[in-house]
Amino acid sequence: DCPKNRITALLSNKELRNLFCYGNKITGENATALMNSLPDRKEASFAGTLAFIDTTVPDEQNKATKADVNIAVSKNWGVFDYKGSNSNKVPYEGE
């Protein structure tokens, strides 16, 4: 977990299953790089979880394009708006 840390870029690990990085400043090329760096989970028994934004956080600055989100989805990752808690999260389609 790395929410609310003013992070601008983040590269992932091959063993990653869940990533909660909402509340940062990941945008543009860094958002694309993050999605590209997610491990491919197509052969995994369950999808990965990426909580990329949280619209309940007043200063949320993460932004991903629909194309960025599609990169993650193609690798069997669910991309979510955290909405304040894991039980409230909803799919995030990008902007």
PDB file of N, CA and C in Angstrom:
ATOM      1  N   ASP A   1       0.832  -1.182   0.000  1.00  0.00           N
ATOM      2  CA  ASP A   1       0.000   0.000   0.000  1.00  0.00           C
ATOM      3  C   ASP A   1       0.883   1.255   0.000  1.00  0.00           C
ATOM      4  N   CYS A   2       0.474   2.238  -0.791  1.00  0.00           N
ATOM      5  CA  CYS A   2       1.211   3.505  -0.817  1.00  0.00           C
ATOM      6  C   CYS A   2       0.272   4.678  -1.112  1.00  0.00           C
ATOM      7  N   PRO A   3      -0.917   4.699  -0.499  1.00  0.00           N
ATOM      8  CA  PRO A   3      -1.818   5.826  -0.753  1.00  0.00           C
ATOM      9  C   PRO A   3      -1.355   7.110  -0.074  1.00  0.00           C
ATOM     10  N   LYS A   4      -1.711   8.219  -0.689  1.00  0.00           N
ATOM     11  CA  LYS A   4      -1.548   9.561  -0.117  1.00  0.00           C
ATOM     12  C   LYS A   4      -0.099   9.893   0.239  1.00  0.00           C
ATOM     13  N   ASN A   5       0.820   9.668  -0.694  1.00  0.00           N
ATOM     14  CA  ASN A   5       2.231   9.930  -0.435  1.00  0.00           C
ATOM     15  C   ASN A   5       2.869  10.916  -1.398  1.00  0.00           C
ATOM     16  N   ARG A   6       2.098  11.546  -2.241  1.00  0.00           N
ATOM     17  CA  ARG A   6       2.607  12.493  -3.236  1.00  0.00           C
ATOM     18  C   ARG A   6       3.554  11.829  -4.233  1.00  0.00           C
ATOM     19  N   ILE A   7       3.393  10.552  -4.437  1.00  0.00           N
ATOM     20  CA  ILE A   7       4.211   9.811  -5.390  1.00  0.00           C
ATOM     21  C   ILE A   7       3.844  10.251  -6.803  1.00  0.00           C
ATOM     22  N   THR A   8       4.856  10.412  -7.659  1.00  0.00           N
ATOM     23  CA  THR A   8       4.604  10.786  -9.048  1.00  0.00           C
ATOM     24  C   THR A   8       4.847   9.635 -10.011  1.00  0.00           C
ATOM     25  N   ALA A   9       5.585   8.619  -9.590  1.00  0.00           N
ATOM     26  CA  ALA A   9       5.861   7.457 -10.435  1.00  0.00           C
ATOM     27  C   ALA A   9       6.020   6.237  -9.544  1.00  0.00           C
ATOM     28  N   LEU A  10       5.705   5.072 -10.102  1.00  0.00           N
ATOM     29  CA  LEU A  10       5.779   3.844  -9.339  1.00  0.00           C
ATOM     30  C   LEU A  10       5.943   2.688 -10.307  1.00  0.00           C
ATOM     31  N   LEU A  11       6.944   1.887 -10.097  1.00  0.00           N
ATOM     32  CA  LEU A  11       7.135   0.686 -10.902  1.00  0.00           C
ATOM     33  C   LEU A  11       6.814  -0.509 -10.033  1.00  0.00           C
ATOM     34  N   SER A  12       6.228  -1.533 -10.625  1.00  0.00           N
ATOM     35  CA  SER A  12       5.739  -2.649  -9.825  1.00  0.00           C
ATOM     36  C   SER A  12       6.688  -3.844  -9.841  1.00  0.00           C
ATOM     37  N   ASN A  13       6.315  -4.835  -9.076  1.00  0.00           N
ATOM     38  CA  ASN A  13       7.060  -6.055  -8.872  1.00  0.00           C
ATOM     39  C   ASN A  13       6.321  -7.207  -9.546  1.00  0.00           C
ATOM     40  N   LYS A  14       7.051  -8.193 -10.044  1.00  0.00           N
ATOM     41  CA  LYS A  14       6.444  -9.338 -10.749  1.00  0.00           C
ATOM     42  C   LYS A  14       5.490 -10.152  -9.869  1.00  0.00           C
ATOM     43  N   GLU A  15       5.671 -10.111  -8.560  1.00  0.00           N
ATOM     44  CA  GLU A  15       4.828 -10.878  -7.634  1.00  0.00           C
ATOM     45  C   GLU A  15       3.606 -10.097  -7.147  1.00  0.00           C
ATOM     46  N   LEU A  16       3.465  -8.882  -7.606  1.00  0.00           N
ATOM     47  CA  LEU A  16       2.395  -8.006  -7.142  1.00  0.00           C
ATOM     48  C   LEU A  16       1.016  -8.572  -7.468  1.00  0.00           C
ATOM     49  N   ARG A  17       0.116  -8.522  -6.489  1.00  0.00           N
ATOM     50  CA  ARG A  17      -1.268  -8.971  -6.665  1.00  0.00           C
ATOM     51  C   ARG A  17      -2.263  -7.847  -6.436  1.00  0.00           C
ATOM     52  N   ASN A  18      -1.930  -6.947  -5.521  1.00  0.00           N
ATOM     53  CA  ASN A  18      -2.797  -5.833  -5.166  1.00  0.00           C
ATOM     54  C   ASN A  18      -1.943  -4.582  -5.025  1.00  0.00           C
ATOM     55  N   LEU A  19      -2.448  -3.488  -5.561  1.00  0.00           N
ATOM     56  CA  LEU A  19      -1.738  -2.220  -5.442  1.00  0.00           C
ATOM     57  C   LEU A  19      -2.745  -1.121  -5.129  1.00  0.00           C
ATOM     58  N   PHE A  20      -2.581  -0.483  -3.982  1.00  0.00           N
ATOM     59  CA  PHE A  20      -3.421   0.619  -3.558  1.00  0.00           C
ATOM     60  C   PHE A  20      -2.553   1.862  -3.582  1.00  0.00           C
ATOM     61  N   CYS A  21      -2.666   2.648  -4.639  1.00  0.00           N
ATOM     62  CA  CYS A  21      -1.777   3.808  -4.815  1.00  0.00           C
ATOM     63  C   CYS A  21      -2.560   5.094  -5.062  1.00  0.00           C
ATOM     64  N   TYR A  22      -3.815   5.141  -4.643  1.00  0.00           N
ATOM     65  CA  TYR A  22      -4.638   6.340  -4.800  1.00  0.00           C
ATOM     66  C   TYR A  22      -4.074   7.484  -3.958  1.00  0.00           C
ATOM     67  N   GLY A  23      -4.506   8.692  -4.257  1.00  0.00           N
ATOM     68  CA  GLY A  23      -4.127   9.848  -3.462  1.00  0.00           C
ATOM     69  C   GLY A  23      -2.717  10.348  -3.720  1.00  0.00           C
ATOM     70  N   ASN A  24      -2.176  10.052  -4.878  1.00  0.00           N
ATOM     71  CA  ASN A  24      -0.836  10.492  -5.238  1.00  0.00           C
ATOM     72  C   ASN A  24      -0.901  11.464  -6.410  1.00  0.00           C
ATOM     73  N   LYS A  25       0.166  11.544  -7.179  1.00  0.00           N
ATOM     74  CA  LYS A  25       0.234  12.448  -8.333  1.00  0.00           C
ATOM     75  C   LYS A  25       0.713  11.689  -9.563  1.00  0.00           C
ATOM     76  N   ILE A  26       0.148  10.512  -9.784  1.00  0.00           N
ATOM     77  CA  ILE A  26       0.565   9.671 -10.903  1.00  0.00           C
ATOM     78  C   ILE A  26      -0.307  10.021 -12.107  1.00  0.00           C
ATOM     79  N   THR A  27       0.302  10.620 -13.127  1.00  0.00           N
ATOM     80  CA  THR A  27      -0.428  11.073 -14.319  1.00  0.00           C
ATOM     81  C   THR A  27       0.432  10.862 -15.558  1.00  0.00           C
ATOM     82  N   GLY A  28      -0.178  11.068 -16.712  1.00  0.00           N
ATOM     83  CA  GLY A  28       0.541  11.094 -17.985  1.00  0.00           C
ATOM     84  C   GLY A  28       1.409   9.877 -18.221  1.00  0.00           C
ATOM     85  N   GLU A  29       2.659  10.132 -18.613  1.00  0.00           N
ATOM     86  CA  GLU A  29       3.599   9.050 -18.923  1.00  0.00           C
ATOM     87  C   GLU A  29       3.825   8.135 -17.723  1.00  0.00           C
ATOM     88  N   ASN A  30       3.766   8.676 -16.518  1.00  0.00           N
ATOM     89  CA  ASN A  30       3.963   7.850 -15.329  1.00  0.00           C
ATOM     90  C   ASN A  30       2.793   6.896 -15.099  1.00  0.00           C
ATOM     91  N   ALA A  31       1.584   7.326 -15.412  1.00  0.00           N
ATOM     92  CA  ALA A  31       0.430   6.431 -15.316  1.00  0.00           C
ATOM     93  C   ALA A  31       0.560   5.313 -16.350  1.00  0.00           C
ATOM     94  N   THR A  32       0.970   5.671 -17.558  1.00  0.00           N
ATOM     95  CA  THR A  32       1.167   4.669 -18.610  1.00  0.00           C
ATOM     96  C   THR A  32       2.263   3.690 -18.200  1.00  0.00           C
ATOM     97  N   ALA A  33       3.365   4.210 -17.660  1.00  0.00           N
ATOM     98  CA  ALA A  33       4.472   3.352 -17.227  1.00  0.00           C
ATOM     99  C   ALA A  33       4.031   2.404 -16.116  1.00  0.00           C
ATOM    100  N   LEU A  34       3.227   2.902 -15.185  1.00  0.00           N
ATOM    101  CA  LEU A  34       2.723   2.050 -14.109  1.00  0.00           C
ATOM    102  C   LEU A  34       1.902   0.902 -14.683  1.00  0.00           C
ATOM    103  N   MET A  35       0.971   1.218 -15.572  1.00  0.00           N
ATOM    104  CA  MET A  35       0.118   0.176 -16.151  1.00  0.00           C
ATOM    105  C   MET A  35       0.956  -0.837 -16.938  1.00  0.00           C
ATOM    106  N   ASN A  36       1.936  -0.340 -17.679  1.00  0.00           N
ATOM    107  CA  ASN A  36       2.804  -1.242 -18.440  1.00  0.00           C
ATOM    108  C   ASN A  36       3.651  -2.123 -17.538  1.00  0.00           C
ATOM    109  N   SER A  37       3.981  -1.639 -16.348  1.00  0.00           N
ATOM    110  CA  SER A  37       4.853  -2.396 -15.447  1.00  0.00           C
ATOM    111  C   SER A  37       4.114  -3.443 -14.616  1.00  0.00           C
ATOM    112  N   LEU A  38       2.777  -3.396 -14.618  1.00  0.00           N
ATOM    113  CA  LEU A  38       2.027  -4.391 -13.857  1.00  0.00           C
ATOM    114  C   LEU A  38       2.302  -5.785 -14.421  1.00  0.00           C
ATOM    115  N   PRO A  39       2.493  -6.772 -13.553  1.00  0.00           N
ATOM    116  CA  PRO A  39       2.712  -8.129 -14.058  1.00  0.00           C
ATOM    117  C   PRO A  39       1.456  -8.670 -14.734  1.00  0.00           C
ATOM    118  N   ASP A  40       1.661  -9.484 -15.737  1.00  0.00           N
ATOM    119  CA  ASP A  40       0.561 -10.116 -16.454  1.00  0.00           C
ATOM    120  C   ASP A  40      -0.039 -11.199 -15.564  1.00  0.00           C
ATOM    121  N   ARG A  41      -1.338 -11.082 -15.287  1.00  0.00           N
ATOM    122  CA  ARG A  41      -2.026 -12.045 -14.422  1.00  0.00           C
ATOM    123  C   ARG A  41      -3.028 -12.901 -15.194  1.00  0.00           C
ATOM    124  N   LYS A  42      -2.891 -12.961 -16.524  1.00  0.00           N
ATOM    125  CA  LYS A  42      -3.846 -13.740 -17.325  1.00  0.00           C
ATOM    126  C   LYS A  42      -3.857 -15.216 -16.941  1.00  0.00           C
ATOM    127  N   GLU A  43      -2.746 -15.742 -16.485  1.00  0.00           N
ATOM    128  CA  GLU A  43      -2.685 -17.145 -16.091  1.00  0.00           C
ATOM    129  C   GLU A  43      -2.969 -17.345 -14.601  1.00  0.00           C
ATOM    130  N   ALA A  44      -3.158 -16.274 -13.869  1.00  0.00           N
ATOM    131  CA  ALA A  44      -3.405 -16.359 -12.425  1.00  0.00           C
ATOM    132  C   ALA A  44      -4.837 -16.815 -12.158  1.00  0.00           C
ATOM    133  N   SER A  45      -5.058 -17.332 -10.967  1.00  0.00           N
ATOM    134  CA  SER A  45      -6.395 -17.813 -10.613  1.00  0.00           C
ATOM    135  C   SER A  45      -7.370 -16.676 -10.300  1.00  0.00           C
ATOM    136  N   PHE A  46      -6.842 -15.466 -10.102  1.00  0.00           N
ATOM    137  CA  PHE A  46      -7.710 -14.315  -9.857  1.00  0.00           C
ATOM    138  C   PHE A  46      -7.034 -13.048 -10.380  1.00  0.00           C
ATOM    139  N   ALA A  47      -7.853 -12.064 -10.683  1.00  0.00           N
ATOM    140  CA  ALA A  47      -7.341 -10.791 -11.202  1.00  0.00           C
ATOM    141  C   ALA A  47      -6.614 -10.020 -10.111  1.00  0.00           C
ATOM    142  N   GLY A  48      -5.687  -9.182 -10.521  1.00  0.00           N
ATOM    143  CA  GLY A  48      -5.048  -8.257  -9.597  1.00  0.00           C
ATOM    144  C   GLY A  48      -5.989  -7.092  -9.314  1.00  0.00           C
ATOM    145  N   THR A  49      -5.741  -6.389  -8.234  1.00  0.00           N
ATOM    146  CA  THR A  49      -6.541  -5.233  -7.849  1.00  0.00           C
ATOM    147  C   THR A  49      -5.656  -3.999  -7.823  1.00  0.00           C
ATOM    148  N   LEU A  50      -6.038  -2.987  -8.581  1.00  0.00           N
ATOM    149  CA  LEU A  50      -5.335  -1.709  -8.592  1.00  0.00           C
ATOM    150  C   LEU A  50      -6.318  -0.618  -8.171  1.00  0.00           C
ATOM    151  N   ALA A  51      -6.174  -0.129  -6.948  1.00  0.00           N
ATOM    152  CA  ALA A  51      -6.981   1.004  -6.468  1.00  0.00           C
ATOM    153  C   ALA A  51      -6.201   2.254  -6.848  1.00  0.00           C
ATOM    154  N   PHE A  52      -6.524   2.810  -8.005  1.00  0.00           N
ATOM    155  CA  PHE A  52      -5.722   3.881  -8.598  1.00  0.00           C
ATOM    156  C   PHE A  52      -6.145   5.273  -8.158  1.00  0.00           C
ATOM    157  N   ILE A  53      -7.422   5.488  -7.941  1.00  0.00           N
ATOM    158  CA  ILE A  53      -7.911   6.792  -7.469  1.00  0.00           C
ATOM    159  C   ILE A  53      -8.854   6.590  -6.297  1.00  0.00           C
ATOM    160  N   ASP A  54      -9.098   7.663  -5.581  1.00  0.00           N
ATOM    161  CA  ASP A  54     -10.105   7.671  -4.525  1.00  0.00           C
ATOM    162  C   ASP A  54     -10.802   9.023  -4.593  1.00  0.00           C
ATOM    163  N   THR A  55     -11.990   9.037  -5.161  1.00  0.00           N
ATOM    164  CA  THR A  55     -12.703  10.298  -5.357  1.00  0.00           C
ATOM    165  C   THR A  55     -13.220  10.888  -4.048  1.00  0.00           C
ATOM    166  N   THR A  56     -13.046  10.189  -2.929  1.00  0.00           N
ATOM    167  CA  THR A  56     -13.405  10.784  -1.633  1.00  0.00           C
ATOM    168  C   THR A  56     -12.253  11.595  -1.057  1.00  0.00           C
ATOM    169  N   VAL A  57     -11.082  11.512  -1.647  1.00  0.00           N
ATOM    170  CA  VAL A  57      -9.907  12.275  -1.193  1.00  0.00           C
ATOM    171  C   VAL A  57      -9.928  13.627  -1.906  1.00  0.00           C
ATOM    172  N   PRO A  58     -10.056  14.724  -1.162  1.00  0.00           N
ATOM    173  CA  PRO A  58     -10.199  16.045  -1.800  1.00  0.00           C
ATOM    174  C   PRO A  58      -9.051  16.429  -2.735  1.00  0.00           C
ATOM    175  N   ASP A  59      -7.844  16.007  -2.431  1.00  0.00           N
ATOM    176  CA  ASP A  59      -6.709  16.403  -3.269  1.00  0.00           C
ATOM    177  C   ASP A  59      -6.190  15.263  -4.147  1.00  0.00           C
ATOM    178  N   GLU A  60      -7.070  14.316  -4.505  1.00  0.00           N
ATOM    179  CA  GLU A  60      -6.673  13.224  -5.409  1.00  0.00           C
ATOM    180  C   GLU A  60      -6.156  13.810  -6.709  1.00  0.00           C
ATOM    181  N   GLN A  61      -4.964  13.410  -7.122  1.00  0.00           N
ATOM    182  CA  GLN A  61      -4.379  13.935  -8.348  1.00  0.00           C
ATOM    183  C   GLN A  61      -3.985  12.848  -9.345  1.00  0.00           C
ATOM    184  N   ASN A  62      -4.173  11.583  -8.999  1.00  0.00           N
ATOM    185  CA  ASN A  62      -3.910  10.531  -9.984  1.00  0.00           C
ATOM    186  C   ASN A  62      -4.885  10.675 -11.137  1.00  0.00           C
ATOM    187  N   LYS A  63      -4.392  10.459 -12.347  1.00  0.00           N
ATOM    188  CA  LYS A  63      -5.241  10.452 -13.535  1.00  0.00           C
ATOM    189  C   LYS A  63      -4.668   9.457 -14.524  1.00  0.00           C
ATOM    190  N   ALA A  64      -5.542   8.652 -15.093  1.00  0.00           N
ATOM    191  CA  ALA A  64      -5.145   7.716 -16.136  1.00  0.00           C
ATOM    192  C   ALA A  64      -6.106   7.860 -17.301  1.00  0.00           C
ATOM    193  N   THR A  65      -5.608   7.632 -18.490  1.00  0.00           N
ATOM    194  CA  THR A  65      -6.479   7.645 -19.656  1.00  0.00           C
ATOM    195  C   THR A  65      -7.194   6.297 -19.757  1.00  0.00           C
ATOM    196  N   LYS A  66      -8.210   6.267 -20.590  1.00  0.00           N
ATOM    197  CA  LYS A  66      -8.893   4.993 -20.842  1.00  0.00           C
ATOM    198  C   LYS A  66      -7.918   3.984 -21.436  1.00  0.00           C
ATOM    199  N   ALA A  67      -7.003   4.460 -22.285  1.00  0.00           N
ATOM    200  CA  ALA A  67      -5.991   3.574 -22.873  1.00  0.00           C
ATOM    201  C   ALA A  67      -5.079   3.001 -21.792  1.00  0.00           C
ATOM    202  N   ASP A  68      -4.706   3.824 -20.806  1.00  0.00           N
ATOM    203  CA  ASP A  68      -3.892   3.337 -19.686  1.00  0.00           C
ATOM    204  C   ASP A  68      -4.623   2.227 -18.935  1.00  0.00           C
ATOM    205  N   VAL A  69      -5.876   2.472 -18.602  1.00  0.00           N
ATOM    206  CA  VAL A  69      -6.666   1.485 -17.866  1.00  0.00           C
ATOM    207  C   VAL A  69      -6.789   0.206 -18.683  1.00  0.00           C
ATOM    208  N   ASN A  70      -6.963   0.327 -19.990  1.00  0.00           N
ATOM    209  CA  ASN A  70      -7.079  -0.855 -20.843  1.00  0.00           C
ATOM    210  C   ASN A  70      -5.815  -1.700 -20.826  1.00  0.00           C
ATOM    211  N   ILE A  71      -4.656  -1.070 -20.648  1.00  0.00           N
ATOM    212  CA  ILE A  71      -3.401  -1.829 -20.528  1.00  0.00           C
ATOM    213  C   ILE A  71      -3.488  -2.748 -19.316  1.00  0.00           C
ATOM    214  N   ALA A  72      -3.913  -2.194 -18.182  1.00  0.00           N
ATOM    215  CA  ALA A  72      -4.032  -2.991 -16.956  1.00  0.00           C
ATOM    216  C   ALA A  72      -5.084  -4.085 -17.106  1.00  0.00           C
ATOM    217  N   VAL A  73      -6.222  -3.746 -17.669  1.00  0.00           N
ATOM    218  CA  VAL A  73      -7.305  -4.711 -17.837  1.00  0.00           C
ATOM    219  C   VAL A  73      -6.856  -5.866 -18.739  1.00  0.00           C
ATOM    220  N   SER A  74      -6.078  -5.557 -19.762  1.00  0.00           N
ATOM    221  CA  SER A  74      -5.604  -6.611 -20.676  1.00  0.00           C
ATOM    222  C   SER A  74      -4.642  -7.581 -19.990  1.00  0.00           C
ATOM    223  N   LYS A  75      -4.103  -7.168 -18.834  1.00  0.00           N
ATOM    224  CA  LYS A  75      -3.205  -8.029 -18.056  1.00  0.00           C
ATOM    225  C   LYS A  75      -3.943  -8.684 -16.880  1.00  0.00           C
ATOM    226  N   ASN A  76      -5.267  -8.627 -16.900  1.00  0.00           N
ATOM    227  CA  ASN A  76      -6.128  -9.212 -15.865  1.00  0.00           C
ATOM    228  C   ASN A  76      -6.016  -8.470 -14.529  1.00  0.00           C
ATOM    229  N   TRP A  77      -6.066  -7.154 -14.618  1.00  0.00           N
ATOM    230  CA  TRP A  77      -6.109  -6.296 -13.433  1.00  0.00           C
ATOM    231  C   TRP A  77      -7.429  -5.547 -13.422  1.00  0.00           C
ATOM    232  N   GLY A  78      -8.073  -5.495 -12.276  1.00  0.00           N
ATOM    233  CA  GLY A  78      -9.216  -4.623 -12.080  1.00  0.00           C
ATOM    234  C   GLY A  78      -8.696  -3.282 -11.598  1.00  0.00           C
ATOM    235  N   VAL A  79      -9.137  -2.209 -12.224  1.00  0.00           N
ATOM    236  CA  VAL A  79      -8.699  -0.860 -11.856  1.00  0.00           C
ATOM    237  C   VAL A  79      -9.890  -0.163 -11.202  1.00  0.00           C
ATOM    238  N   PHE A  80      -9.650   0.403 -10.018  1.00  0.00           N
ATOM    239  CA  PHE A  80     -10.764   0.879  -9.212  1.00  0.00           C
ATOM    240  C   PHE A  80     -10.588   2.298  -8.681  1.00  0.00           C
ATOM    241  N   ASP A  81     -11.744   2.933  -8.436  1.00  0.00           N
ATOM    242  CA  ASP A  81     -11.870   4.120  -7.598  1.00  0.00           C
ATOM    243  C   ASP A  81     -12.168   3.556  -6.207  1.00  0.00           C
ATOM    244  N   TYR A  82     -11.284   3.778  -5.265  1.00  0.00           N
ATOM    245  CA  TYR A  82     -11.379   3.194  -3.927  1.00  0.00           C
ATOM    246  C   TYR A  82     -12.615   3.673  -3.152  1.00  0.00           C
ATOM    247  N   LYS A  83     -13.047   4.894  -3.383  1.00  0.00           N
ATOM    248  CA  LYS A  83     -14.256   5.461  -2.754  1.00  0.00           C
ATOM    249  C   LYS A  83     -14.268   5.346  -1.231  1.00  0.00           C
ATOM    250  N   GLY A  84     -13.111   5.536  -0.609  1.00  0.00           N
ATOM    251  CA  GLY A  84     -13.061   5.588   0.845  1.00  0.00           C
ATOM    252  C   GLY A  84     -12.848   4.268   1.554  1.00  0.00           C
ATOM    253  N   SER A  85     -13.149   3.146   0.905  1.00  0.00           N
ATOM    254  CA  SER A  85     -12.908   1.839   1.534  1.00  0.00           C
ATOM    255  C   SER A  85     -12.961   0.739   0.483  1.00  0.00           C
ATOM    256  N   ASN A  86     -12.337  -0.360   0.819  1.00  0.00           N
ATOM    257  CA  ASN A  86     -12.296  -1.483  -0.105  1.00  0.00           C
ATOM    258  C   ASN A  86     -13.700  -1.979  -0.458  1.00  0.00           C
ATOM    259  N   SER A  87     -14.607  -1.929   0.506  1.00  0.00           N
ATOM    260  CA  SER A  87     -15.975  -2.406   0.257  1.00  0.00           C
ATOM    261  C   SER A  87     -16.779  -1.451  -0.627  1.00  0.00           C
ATOM    262  N   ASN A  88     -16.328  -0.202  -0.754  1.00  0.00           N
ATOM    263  CA  ASN A  88     -17.036   0.788  -1.576  1.00  0.00           C
ATOM    264  C   ASN A  88     -16.447   0.946  -2.969  1.00  0.00           C
ATOM    265  N   LYS A  89     -15.330   0.296  -3.256  1.00  0.00           N
ATOM    266  CA  LYS A  89     -14.629   0.548  -4.513  1.00  0.00           C
ATOM    267  C   LYS A  89     -15.501   0.190  -5.719  1.00  0.00           C
ATOM    268  N   VAL A  90     -15.311   0.975  -6.778  1.00  0.00           N
ATOM    269  CA  VAL A  90     -16.046   0.775  -8.028  1.00  0.00           C
ATOM    270  C   VAL A  90     -15.038   0.821  -9.179  1.00  0.00           C
ATOM    271  N   PRO A  91     -15.360   0.181 -10.292  1.00  0.00           N
ATOM    272  CA  PRO A  91     -14.432   0.214 -11.429  1.00  0.00           C
ATOM    273  C   PRO A  91     -14.129   1.638 -11.886  1.00  0.00           C
ATOM    274  N   TYR A  92     -12.885   1.857 -12.234  1.00  0.00           N
ATOM    275  CA  TYR A  92     -12.421   3.139 -12.787  1.00  0.00           C
ATOM    276  C   TYR A  92     -12.063   2.889 -14.241  1.00  0.00           C
ATOM    277  N   GLU A  93     -12.672   3.653 -15.127  1.00  0.00           N
ATOM    278  CA  GLU A  93     -12.476   3.442 -16.563  1.00  0.00           C
ATOM    279  C   GLU A  93     -11.434   4.360 -17.166  1.00  0.00           C
ATOM    280  N   GLY A  94     -10.939   5.327 -16.415  1.00  0.00           N
ATOM    281  CA  GLY A  94     -10.006   6.308 -16.968  1.00  0.00           C
ATOM    282  C   GLY A  94     -10.753   7.524 -17.465  1.00  0.00           C
ATOM    283  N   GLU A  95      -9.973   8.497 -17.927  1.00  0.00           N
ATOM    284  CA  GLU A  95     -10.565   9.763 -18.367  1.00  0.00           C
ATOM    285  C   GLU A  95     -10.285  10.016 -19.827  1.00  0.00           C
TER     286      GLU A  95
END
